[in-house]
């Protein structure tokens, strides 16, 4: 089978990860083109991947005769512009990182643009759906292992010590809830097969004082009731002193499933007079690394098989819609109802 030729726009922390997976790990695809406005990123990509096309203009990747699809991994504030331009230029296979957009106007525009295109394969980067442990847990729930789901609890804690990066990243990220917590909301939608009905939350700046000037947060807790009655609790933090941590529990009428109680990165235990020690993952890339490969491989499979992705534009739309309302609930201290 002839390899699918992909181009990637954006070569930052996650863009480079996707580029590397396409080049090294996905045999059905080849990295034909790279685009970045940062010269150093282009030089690094040339050294590591030697792509045919290297450019600073993302529109150069819309040539459907040279490329079978594109991957958008730029900063969040550019997603809407690039997505709409690509669809309007006739690009038929698009993967984009989340969030889909930063406002209701943006995601409505994207939704209308995507829906106007025939034969478009469009995938959004909610990689947690490709985690083998979560997929197994979801299947057990579907099989009735815990009876009727009552409560889902998820925690997402980034490692501490990256205040300078987080403060710099905040203005272009869409904010803490959109950037980090929509992963968990998407997982909740997937596990419940439902949408949130009411949202209440609290949060603020507890560790990184620079976020106050960005009107952002570093710790948040959100409580929701979904339309099918399931209660969902999401908590998130930017400053976990012991490393990355992402446990989850699904509690039901007949049992419970726990996933990742501790995000260990080793099987080793170290024991001495100070007690027992075991290291956690230091970075979310490390914990979710296999899912980045899996989601990109599935995107290529969708292109080859001309099938709908597991995470489509509507999933991306719902996640941002929720984030906007959840941000309002937390910052205003009110209960928000979704219509």
C-alpha atoms as a PDB file:
ATOM      1  CA  UNK A   1       0.000   0.000   0.000  1.00  0.00           C
ATOM      2  CA  UNK A   2       1.294   3.442  -0.909  1.00  0.00           C
ATOM      3  CA  UNK A   3       2.092   5.537   2.134  1.00  0.00           C
ATOM      4  CA  UNK A   4      -0.108   8.514   2.961  1.00  0.00           C
ATOM      5  CA  UNK A   5       1.818  11.768   2.644  1.00  0.00           C
ATOM      6  CA  UNK A   6       1.216  14.068   5.604  1.00  0.00           C
ATOM      7  CA  UNK A   7       2.229  17.602   6.418  1.00  0.00           C
ATOM      8  CA  UNK A   8       2.360  19.133   9.879  1.00  0.00           C
ATOM      9  CA  UNK A   9       1.770  22.778  10.813  1.00  0.00           C
ATOM     10  CA  UNK A  10       3.397  23.688  14.120  1.00  0.00           C
ATOM     11  CA  UNK A  11       6.514  22.048  15.544  1.00  0.00           C
ATOM     12  CA  UNK A  12       6.351  22.987  19.211  1.00  0.00           C
ATOM     13  CA  UNK A  13       6.244  20.518  22.089  1.00  0.00           C
ATOM     14  CA  UNK A  14       3.316  18.430  20.812  1.00  0.00           C
ATOM     15  CA  UNK A  15       3.811  19.144  17.122  1.00  0.00           C
ATOM     16  CA  UNK A  16       7.293  17.653  17.236  1.00  0.00           C
ATOM     17  CA  UNK A  17       5.897  14.587  19.024  1.00  0.00           C
ATOM     18  CA  UNK A  18       3.352  14.062  16.231  1.00  0.00           C
ATOM     19  CA  UNK A  19       6.000  14.644  13.557  1.00  0.00           C
ATOM     20  CA  UNK A  20       8.290  12.107  15.186  1.00  0.00           C
ATOM     21  CA  UNK A  21       5.523   9.504  15.400  1.00  0.00           C
ATOM     22  CA  UNK A  22       4.569   9.978  11.754  1.00  0.00           C
ATOM     23  CA  UNK A  23       8.195   9.687  10.670  1.00  0.00           C
ATOM     24  CA  UNK A  24       9.359   6.852  12.912  1.00  0.00           C
ATOM     25  CA  UNK A  25       6.356   4.866  14.134  1.00  0.00           C
ATOM     26  CA  UNK A  26       3.521   4.923  11.600  1.00  0.00           C
ATOM     27  CA  UNK A  27       4.525   2.774   8.652  1.00  0.00           C
ATOM     28  CA  UNK A  28       1.442   3.648   6.586  1.00  0.00           C
ATOM     29  CA  UNK A  29       2.437   7.330   6.486  1.00  0.00           C
ATOM     30  CA  UNK A  30       5.386   9.530   5.698  1.00  0.00           C
ATOM     31  CA  UNK A  31       6.169  13.045   6.885  1.00  0.00           C
ATOM     32  CA  UNK A  32       6.378  14.927   3.592  1.00  0.00           C
ATOM     33  CA  UNK A  33       6.028  18.525   4.747  1.00  0.00           C
ATOM     34  CA  UNK A  34       6.654  20.631   7.850  1.00  0.00           C
ATOM     35  CA  UNK A  35       5.635  24.199   8.623  1.00  0.00           C
ATOM     36  CA  UNK A  36       6.578  26.536  11.457  1.00  0.00           C
ATOM     37  CA  UNK A  37       7.125  30.258  11.881  1.00  0.00           C
ATOM     38  CA  UNK A  38      10.081  29.444  14.155  1.00  0.00           C
ATOM     39  CA  UNK A  39      13.291  28.995  12.169  1.00  0.00           C
ATOM     40  CA  UNK A  40      14.955  26.857  14.831  1.00  0.00           C
ATOM     41  CA  UNK A  41      12.030  24.399  14.776  1.00  0.00           C
ATOM     42  CA  UNK A  42      12.345  24.059  10.996  1.00  0.00           C
ATOM     43  CA  UNK A  43      16.081  23.430  11.297  1.00  0.00           C
ATOM     44  CA  UNK A  44      15.467  20.729  13.920  1.00  0.00           C
ATOM     45  CA  UNK A  45      12.783  19.101  11.766  1.00  0.00           C
ATOM     46  CA  UNK A  46      15.075  19.109   8.734  1.00  0.00           C
ATOM     47  CA  UNK A  47      17.830  17.461  10.765  1.00  0.00           C
ATOM     48  CA  UNK A  48      15.564  14.765  12.238  1.00  0.00           C
ATOM     49  CA  UNK A  49      13.084  14.061   9.427  1.00  0.00           C
ATOM     50  CA  UNK A  50      14.504  15.496   6.171  1.00  0.00           C
ATOM     51  CA  UNK A  51      11.031  16.297   4.783  1.00  0.00           C
ATOM     52  CA  UNK A  52      10.487  17.193   1.128  1.00  0.00           C
ATOM     53  CA  UNK A  53       8.728  20.480   1.929  1.00  0.00           C
ATOM     54  CA  UNK A  54       9.918  22.964   4.585  1.00  0.00           C
ATOM     55  CA  UNK A  55       8.019  26.227   4.845  1.00  0.00           C
ATOM     56  CA  UNK A  56       6.870  29.072   7.079  1.00  0.00           C
ATOM     57  CA  UNK A  57       3.594  29.508   5.169  1.00  0.00           C
ATOM     58  CA  UNK A  58       0.931  26.996   6.244  1.00  0.00           C
ATOM     59  CA  UNK A  59      -0.975  27.474   2.975  1.00  0.00           C
ATOM     60  CA  UNK A  60       1.866  25.687   1.193  1.00  0.00           C
ATOM     61  CA  UNK A  61       0.554  22.485   2.819  1.00  0.00           C
ATOM     62  CA  UNK A  62      -2.867  22.773   1.171  1.00  0.00           C
ATOM     63  CA  UNK A  63      -1.601  21.269  -2.113  1.00  0.00           C
ATOM     64  CA  UNK A  64      -3.688  18.082  -2.287  1.00  0.00           C
ATOM     65  CA  UNK A  65      -1.626  16.718  -5.179  1.00  0.00           C
ATOM     66  CA  UNK A  66       1.448  16.557  -2.967  1.00  0.00           C
ATOM     67  CA  UNK A  67      -0.189  15.743   0.384  1.00  0.00           C
ATOM     68  CA  UNK A  68      -2.947  13.376   1.509  1.00  0.00           C
ATOM     69  CA  UNK A  69      -3.635  15.242   4.759  1.00  0.00           C
ATOM     70  CA  UNK A  70      -2.420  17.756   7.311  1.00  0.00           C
ATOM     71  CA  UNK A  71      -1.855  17.841  11.068  1.00  0.00           C
ATOM     72  CA  UNK A  72      -2.477  21.162  12.841  1.00  0.00           C
ATOM     73  CA  UNK A  73      -0.442  21.533  16.030  1.00  0.00           C
ATOM     74  CA  UNK A  74      -0.053  25.299  16.298  1.00  0.00           C
ATOM     75  CA  UNK A  75      -1.025  27.406  19.317  1.00  0.00           C
ATOM     76  CA  UNK A  76      -4.720  27.417  20.149  1.00  0.00           C
ATOM     77  CA  UNK A  77      -5.472  30.949  18.970  1.00  0.00           C
ATOM     78  CA  UNK A  78      -4.590  30.021  15.362  1.00  0.00           C
ATOM     79  CA  UNK A  79      -6.672  26.834  15.092  1.00  0.00           C
ATOM     80  CA  UNK A  80      -9.836  28.433  13.727  1.00  0.00           C
ATOM     81  CA  UNK A  81      -8.034  30.385  11.011  1.00  0.00           C
ATOM     82  CA  UNK A  82      -6.000  27.413   9.785  1.00  0.00           C
ATOM     83  CA  UNK A  83      -8.833  24.870   9.982  1.00  0.00           C
ATOM     84  CA  UNK A  84     -11.240  27.016   7.995  1.00  0.00           C
ATOM     85  CA  UNK A  85      -8.592  27.966   5.428  1.00  0.00           C
ATOM     86  CA  UNK A  86      -7.660  24.302   4.938  1.00  0.00           C
ATOM     87  CA  UNK A  87     -11.255  23.131   4.485  1.00  0.00           C
ATOM     88  CA  UNK A  88     -12.021  25.987   2.089  1.00  0.00           C
ATOM     89  CA  UNK A  89      -8.881  25.124   0.093  1.00  0.00           C
ATOM     90  CA  UNK A  90     -10.153  21.580  -0.400  1.00  0.00           C
ATOM     91  CA  UNK A  91      -7.986  19.656   2.062  1.00  0.00           C
ATOM     92  CA  UNK A  92      -9.875  16.406   2.685  1.00  0.00           C
ATOM     93  CA  UNK A  93      -8.057  14.913   5.669  1.00  0.00           C
ATOM     94  CA  UNK A  94      -7.382  17.066   8.722  1.00  0.00           C
ATOM     95  CA  UNK A  95      -6.157  16.303  12.234  1.00  0.00           C
ATOM     96  CA  UNK A  96      -6.136  19.231  14.657  1.00  0.00           C
ATOM     97  CA  UNK A  97      -4.979  19.595  18.210  1.00  0.00           C
ATOM     98  CA  UNK A  98      -7.501  20.766  20.768  1.00  0.00           C
ATOM     99  CA  UNK A  99      -9.095  23.066  21.673  1.00  0.00           C
ATOM    100  CA  UNK A 100     -10.963  23.450  18.402  1.00  0.00           C
ATOM    101  CA  UNK A 101     -11.327  27.205  18.997  1.00  0.00           C
ATOM    102  CA  UNK A 102     -11.326  29.781  21.773  1.00  0.00           C
ATOM    103  CA  UNK A 103     -14.855  31.207  21.568  1.00  0.00           C
ATOM    104  CA  UNK A 104     -18.385  30.241  20.596  1.00  0.00           C
ATOM    105  CA  UNK A 105     -18.055  32.329  17.440  1.00  0.00           C
ATOM    106  CA  UNK A 106     -14.939  30.390  16.433  1.00  0.00           C
ATOM    107  CA  UNK A 107     -16.302  26.905  17.079  1.00  0.00           C
ATOM    108  CA  UNK A 108     -19.622  27.699  15.376  1.00  0.00           C
ATOM    109  CA  UNK A 109     -17.686  28.937  12.346  1.00  0.00           C
ATOM    110  CA  UNK A 110     -15.572  25.761  12.323  1.00  0.00           C
ATOM    111  CA  UNK A 111     -18.644  23.546  12.702  1.00  0.00           C
ATOM    112  CA  UNK A 112     -20.413  25.246   9.794  1.00  0.00           C
ATOM    113  CA  UNK A 113     -17.277  25.119   7.634  1.00  0.00           C
ATOM    114  CA  UNK A 114     -16.626  21.435   8.316  1.00  0.00           C
ATOM    115  CA  UNK A 115     -20.262  20.488   7.742  1.00  0.00           C
ATOM    116  CA  UNK A 116     -20.234  22.260   4.370  1.00  0.00           C
ATOM    117  CA  UNK A 117     -17.425  20.032   3.053  1.00  0.00           C
ATOM    118  CA  UNK A 118     -18.193  16.663   1.474  1.00  0.00           C
ATOM    119  CA  UNK A 119     -16.009  13.654   2.179  1.00  0.00           C
ATOM    120  CA  UNK A 120     -13.957  15.429   4.852  1.00  0.00           C
ATOM    121  CA  UNK A 121     -12.198  13.335   7.501  1.00  0.00           C
ATOM    122  CA  UNK A 122     -11.673  15.562  10.540  1.00  0.00           C
ATOM    123  CA  UNK A 123     -10.147  14.400  13.823  1.00  0.00           C
ATOM    124  CA  UNK A 124      -9.592  16.348  17.064  1.00  0.00           C
ATOM    125  CA  UNK A 125      -6.720  15.527  19.419  1.00  0.00           C
ATOM    126  CA  UNK A 126      -8.414  14.161  22.516  1.00  0.00           C
ATOM    127  CA  UNK A 127      -5.828  11.441  22.927  1.00  0.00           C
ATOM    128  CA  UNK A 128      -7.167   9.975  26.185  1.00  0.00           C
ATOM    129  CA  UNK A 129      -9.725   8.021  24.161  1.00  0.00           C
ATOM    130  CA  UNK A 130      -6.828   5.998  22.752  1.00  0.00           C
ATOM    131  CA  UNK A 131      -5.440   4.896  26.128  1.00  0.00           C
ATOM    132  CA  UNK A 132      -5.644   1.094  26.357  1.00  0.00           C
ATOM    133  CA  UNK A 133      -6.504   1.176  30.070  1.00  0.00           C
ATOM    134  CA  UNK A 134      -9.374   3.616  29.580  1.00  0.00           C
ATOM    135  CA  UNK A 135     -10.644   1.648  26.583  1.00  0.00           C
ATOM    136  CA  UNK A 136     -10.653  -1.522  28.678  1.00  0.00           C
ATOM    137  CA  UNK A 137     -12.482   0.233  31.536  1.00  0.00           C
ATOM    138  CA  UNK A 138     -15.057   1.649  29.122  1.00  0.00           C
ATOM    139  CA  UNK A 139     -15.739  -1.809  27.718  1.00  0.00           C
ATOM    140  CA  UNK A 140     -16.208  -3.229  31.233  1.00  0.00           C
ATOM    141  CA  UNK A 141     -18.745  -0.500  31.984  1.00  0.00           C
ATOM    142  CA  UNK A 142     -20.573  -1.195  28.724  1.00  0.00           C
ATOM    143  CA  UNK A 143     -20.636  -4.881  29.693  1.00  0.00           C
ATOM    144  CA  UNK A 144     -22.362  -4.012  32.989  1.00  0.00           C
ATOM    145  CA  UNK A 145     -19.453  -4.763  35.332  1.00  0.00           C
ATOM    146  CA  UNK A 146     -20.283  -1.890  37.740  1.00  0.00           C
ATOM    147  CA  UNK A 147     -24.014  -1.904  37.143  1.00  0.00           C
ATOM    148  CA  UNK A 148     -25.466   1.549  36.603  1.00  0.00           C
ATOM    149  CA  UNK A 149     -22.794   4.302  36.742  1.00  0.00           C
ATOM    150  CA  UNK A 150     -23.369   6.779  39.582  1.00  0.00           C
ATOM    151  CA  UNK A 151     -20.188   8.854  39.885  1.00  0.00           C
ATOM    152  CA  UNK A 152     -17.092   9.540  37.804  1.00  0.00           C
ATOM    153  CA  UNK A 153     -14.132  11.237  39.475  1.00  0.00           C
ATOM    154  CA  UNK A 154     -11.065  12.409  37.555  1.00  0.00           C
ATOM    155  CA  UNK A 155      -7.963  14.271  38.656  1.00  0.00           C
ATOM    156  CA  UNK A 156      -5.343  15.860  36.398  1.00  0.00           C
ATOM    157  CA  UNK A 157      -2.237  17.260  38.049  1.00  0.00           C
ATOM    158  CA  UNK A 158       0.704  18.671  36.117  1.00  0.00           C
ATOM    159  CA  UNK A 159       4.107  18.617  37.738  1.00  0.00           C
ATOM    160  CA  UNK A 160       5.236  21.699  39.643  1.00  0.00           C
ATOM    161  CA  UNK A 161       8.149  23.915  38.730  1.00  0.00           C
ATOM    162  CA  UNK A 162       7.038  25.178  35.308  1.00  0.00           C
ATOM    163  CA  UNK A 163       5.565  28.531  36.352  1.00  0.00           C
ATOM    164  CA  UNK A 164       7.490  30.580  33.774  1.00  0.00           C
ATOM    165  CA  UNK A 165       6.284  28.353  30.930  1.00  0.00           C
ATOM    166  CA  UNK A 166       2.661  28.234  32.155  1.00  0.00           C
ATOM    167  CA  UNK A 167       2.382  32.017  32.584  1.00  0.00           C
ATOM    168  CA  UNK A 168       3.850  32.587  29.106  1.00  0.00           C
ATOM    169  CA  UNK A 169       1.603  29.887  27.601  1.00  0.00           C
ATOM    170  CA  UNK A 170      -1.649  30.998  29.250  1.00  0.00           C
ATOM    171  CA  UNK A 171      -2.687  33.881  26.937  1.00  0.00           C
ATOM    172  CA  UNK A 172      -2.619  31.668  23.814  1.00  0.00           C
ATOM    173  CA  UNK A 173      -3.870  28.454  25.430  1.00  0.00           C
ATOM    174  CA  UNK A 174      -7.554  29.254  25.809  1.00  0.00           C
ATOM    175  CA  UNK A 175      -7.145  29.189  29.579  1.00  0.00           C
ATOM    176  CA  UNK A 176      -6.640  26.458  32.152  1.00  0.00           C
ATOM    177  CA  UNK A 177     -10.053  24.818  31.733  1.00  0.00           C
ATOM    178  CA  UNK A 178     -10.007  24.760  27.921  1.00  0.00           C
ATOM    179  CA  UNK A 179      -6.392  23.663  27.682  1.00  0.00           C
ATOM    180  CA  UNK A 180      -6.263  20.983  30.359  1.00  0.00           C
ATOM    181  CA  UNK A 181      -9.716  20.040  31.629  1.00  0.00           C
ATOM    182  CA  UNK A 182     -11.488  19.486  28.305  1.00  0.00           C
ATOM    183  CA  UNK A 183      -9.525  16.235  28.060  1.00  0.00           C
ATOM    184  CA  UNK A 184     -11.379  14.999  31.138  1.00  0.00           C
ATOM    185  CA  UNK A 185     -14.722  16.397  30.030  1.00  0.00           C
ATOM    186  CA  UNK A 186     -14.326  14.574  26.719  1.00  0.00           C
ATOM    187  CA  UNK A 187     -13.540  11.382  28.632  1.00  0.00           C
ATOM    188  CA  UNK A 188     -16.633  11.914  30.801  1.00  0.00           C
ATOM    189  CA  UNK A 189     -18.817  12.369  27.695  1.00  0.00           C
ATOM    190  CA  UNK A 190     -17.310   9.197  26.240  1.00  0.00           C
ATOM    191  CA  UNK A 191     -17.865   7.133  29.393  1.00  0.00           C
ATOM    192  CA  UNK A 192     -21.381   8.393  30.122  1.00  0.00           C
ATOM    193  CA  UNK A 193     -22.645   8.719  26.557  1.00  0.00           C
ATOM    194  CA  UNK A 194     -24.254  11.946  27.722  1.00  0.00           C
ATOM    195  CA  UNK A 195     -23.707  15.692  28.080  1.00  0.00           C
ATOM    196  CA  UNK A 196     -23.384  17.846  31.189  1.00  0.00           C
ATOM    197  CA  UNK A 197     -26.644  19.364  32.421  1.00  0.00           C
ATOM    198  CA  UNK A 198     -25.409  21.580  35.273  1.00  0.00           C
ATOM    199  CA  UNK A 199     -21.926  22.854  36.159  1.00  0.00           C
ATOM    200  CA  UNK A 200     -20.578  24.338  39.376  1.00  0.00           C
ATOM    201  CA  UNK A 201     -16.953  24.998  40.188  1.00  0.00           C
ATOM    202  CA  UNK A 202     -14.390  26.767  42.311  1.00  0.00           C
ATOM    203  CA  UNK A 203     -10.765  27.590  41.648  1.00  0.00           C
ATOM    204  CA  UNK A 204      -8.113  30.242  41.577  1.00  0.00           C
ATOM    205  CA  UNK A 205      -4.416  31.023  41.666  1.00  0.00           C
ATOM    206  CA  UNK A 206      -2.755  29.094  44.485  1.00  0.00           C
ATOM    207  CA  UNK A 207       0.818  28.733  43.258  1.00  0.00           C
ATOM    208  CA  UNK A 208       1.689  30.741  40.134  1.00  0.00           C
ATOM    209  CA  UNK A 209       1.060  34.412  40.937  1.00  0.00           C
ATOM    210  CA  UNK A 210       1.754  35.484  37.352  1.00  0.00           C
ATOM    211  CA  UNK A 211      -1.491  33.867  36.214  1.00  0.00           C
ATOM    212  CA  UNK A 212      -3.530  36.545  37.981  1.00  0.00           C
ATOM    213  CA  UNK A 213      -2.578  39.060  35.290  1.00  0.00           C
ATOM    214  CA  UNK A 214      -3.826  36.556  32.673  1.00  0.00           C
ATOM    215  CA  UNK A 215      -7.177  36.102  34.458  1.00  0.00           C
ATOM    216  CA  UNK A 216      -6.340  32.397  34.603  1.00  0.00           C
ATOM    217  CA  UNK A 217      -6.067  29.726  37.310  1.00  0.00           C
ATOM    218  CA  UNK A 218      -3.722  26.972  38.405  1.00  0.00           C
ATOM    219  CA  UNK A 219      -6.112  24.835  40.494  1.00  0.00           C
ATOM    220  CA  UNK A 220      -9.793  24.109  39.866  1.00  0.00           C
ATOM    221  CA  UNK A 221     -12.538  21.723  41.004  1.00  0.00           C
ATOM    222  CA  UNK A 222     -15.709  21.262  38.955  1.00  0.00           C
ATOM    223  CA  UNK A 223     -18.881  19.355  39.872  1.00  0.00           C
ATOM    224  CA  UNK A 224     -21.405  18.383  37.218  1.00  0.00           C
ATOM    225  CA  UNK A 225     -24.589  16.423  36.832  1.00  0.00           C
ATOM    226  CA  UNK A 226     -25.000  14.902  33.402  1.00  0.00           C
ATOM    227  CA  UNK A 227     -28.298  14.686  31.550  1.00  0.00           C
ATOM    228  CA  UNK A 228     -28.485  10.933  32.236  1.00  0.00           C
ATOM    229  CA  UNK A 229     -28.073  11.526  35.988  1.00  0.00           C
ATOM    230  CA  UNK A 230     -24.393  10.564  36.393  1.00  0.00           C
ATOM    231  CA  UNK A 231     -22.429  12.830  38.738  1.00  0.00           C
ATOM    232  CA  UNK A 232     -18.953  13.885  37.535  1.00  0.00           C
ATOM    233  CA  UNK A 233     -16.194  15.545  39.556  1.00  0.00           C
ATOM    234  CA  UNK A 234     -13.135  16.980  37.787  1.00  0.00           C
ATOM    235  CA  UNK A 235     -10.164  18.445  39.624  1.00  0.00           C
ATOM    236  CA  UNK A 236      -7.021  19.828  38.032  1.00  0.00           C
ATOM    237  CA  UNK A 237      -3.755  21.393  39.169  1.00  0.00           C
ATOM    238  CA  UNK A 238      -0.687  22.907  37.556  1.00  0.00           C
ATOM    239  CA  UNK A 239       1.604  22.370  40.544  1.00  0.00           C
ATOM    240  CA  UNK A 240       1.844  18.767  41.736  1.00  0.00           C
ATOM    241  CA  UNK A 241       5.027  18.600  43.819  1.00  0.00           C
ATOM    242  CA  UNK A 242       5.531  14.859  43.253  1.00  0.00           C
ATOM    243  CA  UNK A 243       5.042  14.720  39.468  1.00  0.00           C
ATOM    244  CA  UNK A 244       2.265  14.103  36.984  1.00  0.00           C
ATOM    245  CA  UNK A 245      -0.840  12.403  38.406  1.00  0.00           C
ATOM    246  CA  UNK A 246      -4.067  11.408  36.601  1.00  0.00           C
ATOM    247  CA  UNK A 247      -6.218   8.937  38.582  1.00  0.00           C
ATOM    248  CA  UNK A 248      -9.837   8.140  37.707  1.00  0.00           C
ATOM    249  CA  UNK A 249     -12.665   6.188  39.351  1.00  0.00           C
ATOM    250  CA  UNK A 250     -16.014   5.107  37.963  1.00  0.00           C
ATOM    251  CA  UNK A 251     -18.419   4.087  40.747  1.00  0.00           C
ATOM    252  CA  UNK A 252     -21.673   2.254  40.064  1.00  0.00           C
ATOM    253  CA  UNK A 253     -24.537   0.372  41.695  1.00  0.00           C
ATOM    254  CA  UNK A 254     -22.648  -2.937  41.552  1.00  0.00           C
ATOM    255  CA  UNK A 255     -18.981  -2.043  41.697  1.00  0.00           C
ATOM    256  CA  UNK A 256     -16.167   0.347  40.905  1.00  0.00           C
ATOM    257  CA  UNK A 257     -13.271   0.670  38.487  1.00  0.00           C
ATOM    258  CA  UNK A 258     -10.117   2.630  39.319  1.00  0.00           C
ATOM    259  CA  UNK A 259      -7.587   3.681  36.694  1.00  0.00           C
ATOM    260  CA  UNK A 260      -4.088   4.965  37.422  1.00  0.00           C
ATOM    261  CA  UNK A 261      -4.306   5.505  41.174  1.00  0.00           C
ATOM    262  CA  UNK A 262      -0.673   6.576  40.969  1.00  0.00           C
ATOM    263  CA  UNK A 263       1.073   7.595  37.758  1.00  0.00           C
ATOM    264  CA  UNK A 264       4.215   5.558  38.400  1.00  0.00           C
ATOM    265  CA  UNK A 265       6.925   5.604  35.746  1.00  0.00           C
ATOM    266  CA  UNK A 266       8.860   2.667  37.193  1.00  0.00           C
ATOM    267  CA  UNK A 267       8.282  -0.718  38.809  1.00  0.00           C
ATOM    268  CA  UNK A 268      11.078  -0.058  41.311  1.00  0.00           C
ATOM    269  CA  UNK A 269      10.540   0.649  45.003  1.00  0.00           C
ATOM    270  CA  UNK A 270      13.354   2.326  46.990  1.00  0.00           C
ATOM    271  CA  UNK A 271      13.334   1.599  50.710  1.00  0.00           C
ATOM    272  CA  UNK A 272      15.570   2.968  53.452  1.00  0.00           C
ATOM    273  CA  UNK A 273      15.332   4.673  56.865  1.00  0.00           C
ATOM    274  CA  UNK A 274      13.225   7.447  55.300  1.00  0.00           C
ATOM    275  CA  UNK A 275      10.555   5.008  54.160  1.00  0.00           C
ATOM    276  CA  UNK A 276       9.389   3.676  50.806  1.00  0.00           C
ATOM    277  CA  UNK A 277       9.741   5.734  47.643  1.00  0.00           C
ATOM    278  CA  UNK A 278       8.524   5.196  44.086  1.00  0.00           C
ATOM    279  CA  UNK A 279       8.788   7.793  41.321  1.00  0.00           C
ATOM    280  CA  UNK A 280       5.805   9.217  39.443  1.00  0.00           C
ATOM    281  CA  UNK A 281       5.792  10.345  35.827  1.00  0.00           C
ATOM    282  CA  UNK A 282       7.508  13.712  35.593  1.00  0.00           C
ATOM    283  CA  UNK A 283       5.544  15.044  32.587  1.00  0.00           C
ATOM    284  CA  UNK A 284       2.226  14.319  30.916  1.00  0.00           C
ATOM    285  CA  UNK A 285       4.041  13.372  27.676  1.00  0.00           C
ATOM    286  CA  UNK A 286       5.591  10.472  29.513  1.00  0.00           C
ATOM    287  CA  UNK A 287       2.280   9.257  30.941  1.00  0.00           C
ATOM    288  CA  UNK A 288       0.260   9.576  27.712  1.00  0.00           C
ATOM    289  CA  UNK A 289       3.050   8.898  25.215  1.00  0.00           C
ATOM    290  CA  UNK A 290       1.538   5.732  23.747  1.00  0.00           C
ATOM    291  CA  UNK A 291      -1.753   7.529  23.080  1.00  0.00           C
ATOM    292  CA  UNK A 292      -0.129  10.123  20.818  1.00  0.00           C
ATOM    293  CA  UNK A 293       1.141   7.366  18.572  1.00  0.00           C
ATOM    294  CA  UNK A 294      -2.203   5.553  18.735  1.00  0.00           C
ATOM    295  CA  UNK A 295      -4.333   8.570  17.834  1.00  0.00           C
ATOM    296  CA  UNK A 296      -2.106   9.503  14.892  1.00  0.00           C
ATOM    297  CA  UNK A 297      -2.069   5.907  13.670  1.00  0.00           C
ATOM    298  CA  UNK A 298      -5.859   5.882  13.858  1.00  0.00           C
ATOM    299  CA  UNK A 299      -6.046   9.131  11.882  1.00  0.00           C
ATOM    300  CA  UNK A 300      -3.947   7.545   9.132  1.00  0.00           C
ATOM    301  CA  UNK A 301      -6.180   4.453   9.269  1.00  0.00           C
ATOM    302  CA  UNK A 302      -9.244   6.689   8.869  1.00  0.00           C
ATOM    303  CA  UNK A 303      -7.659   8.260   5.795  1.00  0.00           C
ATOM    304  CA  UNK A 304      -6.822   4.846   4.334  1.00  0.00           C
ATOM    305  CA  UNK A 305     -10.214   3.327   5.127  1.00  0.00           C
ATOM    306  CA  UNK A 306     -12.242   6.524   4.561  1.00  0.00           C
ATOM    307  CA  UNK A 307     -14.017   6.169   7.907  1.00  0.00           C
ATOM    308  CA  UNK A 308     -15.159   8.554  10.609  1.00  0.00           C
ATOM    309  CA  UNK A 309     -12.606   9.249  13.395  1.00  0.00           C
ATOM    310  CA  UNK A 310     -13.304   8.266  17.005  1.00  0.00           C
ATOM    311  CA  UNK A 311     -13.082  11.936  17.973  1.00  0.00           C
ATOM    312  CA  UNK A 312     -14.668  14.216  15.381  1.00  0.00           C
ATOM    313  CA  UNK A 313     -15.423  17.923  14.975  1.00  0.00           C
ATOM    314  CA  UNK A 314     -18.628  17.648  17.024  1.00  0.00           C
ATOM    315  CA  UNK A 315     -16.687  16.217  19.980  1.00  0.00           C
ATOM    316  CA  UNK A 316     -14.303  19.154  19.682  1.00  0.00           C
ATOM    317  CA  UNK A 317     -17.233  21.573  19.519  1.00  0.00           C
ATOM    318  CA  UNK A 318     -18.875  20.106  22.639  1.00  0.00           C
ATOM    319  CA  UNK A 319     -15.628  20.264  24.620  1.00  0.00           C
ATOM    320  CA  UNK A 320     -15.067  23.973  23.930  1.00  0.00           C
ATOM    321  CA  UNK A 321     -18.734  24.813  24.499  1.00  0.00           C
ATOM    322  CA  UNK A 322     -18.441  23.159  27.914  1.00  0.00           C
ATOM    323  CA  UNK A 323     -15.137  24.897  28.695  1.00  0.00           C
ATOM    324  CA  UNK A 324     -16.635  28.340  28.081  1.00  0.00           C
ATOM    325  CA  UNK A 325     -19.528  27.617  30.437  1.00  0.00           C
ATOM    326  CA  UNK A 326     -17.338  25.870  33.023  1.00  0.00           C
ATOM    327  CA  UNK A 327     -14.987  28.865  33.074  1.00  0.00           C
ATOM    328  CA  UNK A 328     -17.994  31.107  33.710  1.00  0.00           C
ATOM    329  CA  UNK A 329     -19.232  28.837  36.519  1.00  0.00           C
ATOM    330  CA  UNK A 330     -15.853  28.861  38.285  1.00  0.00           C
ATOM    331  CA  UNK A 331     -15.024  32.550  37.877  1.00  0.00           C
ATOM    332  CA  UNK A 332     -18.530  33.767  38.786  1.00  0.00           C
ATOM    333  CA  UNK A 333     -19.178  31.194  41.512  1.00  0.00           C
ATOM    334  CA  UNK A 334     -22.516  30.223  40.026  1.00  0.00           C
ATOM    335  CA  UNK A 335     -24.336  27.120  38.853  1.00  0.00           C
ATOM    336  CA  UNK A 336     -24.510  27.124  35.052  1.00  0.00           C
ATOM    337  CA  UNK A 337     -27.095  25.076  33.192  1.00  0.00           C
ATOM    338  CA  UNK A 338     -26.411  23.855  29.683  1.00  0.00           C
ATOM    339  CA  UNK A 339     -29.254  24.230  27.199  1.00  0.00           C
END
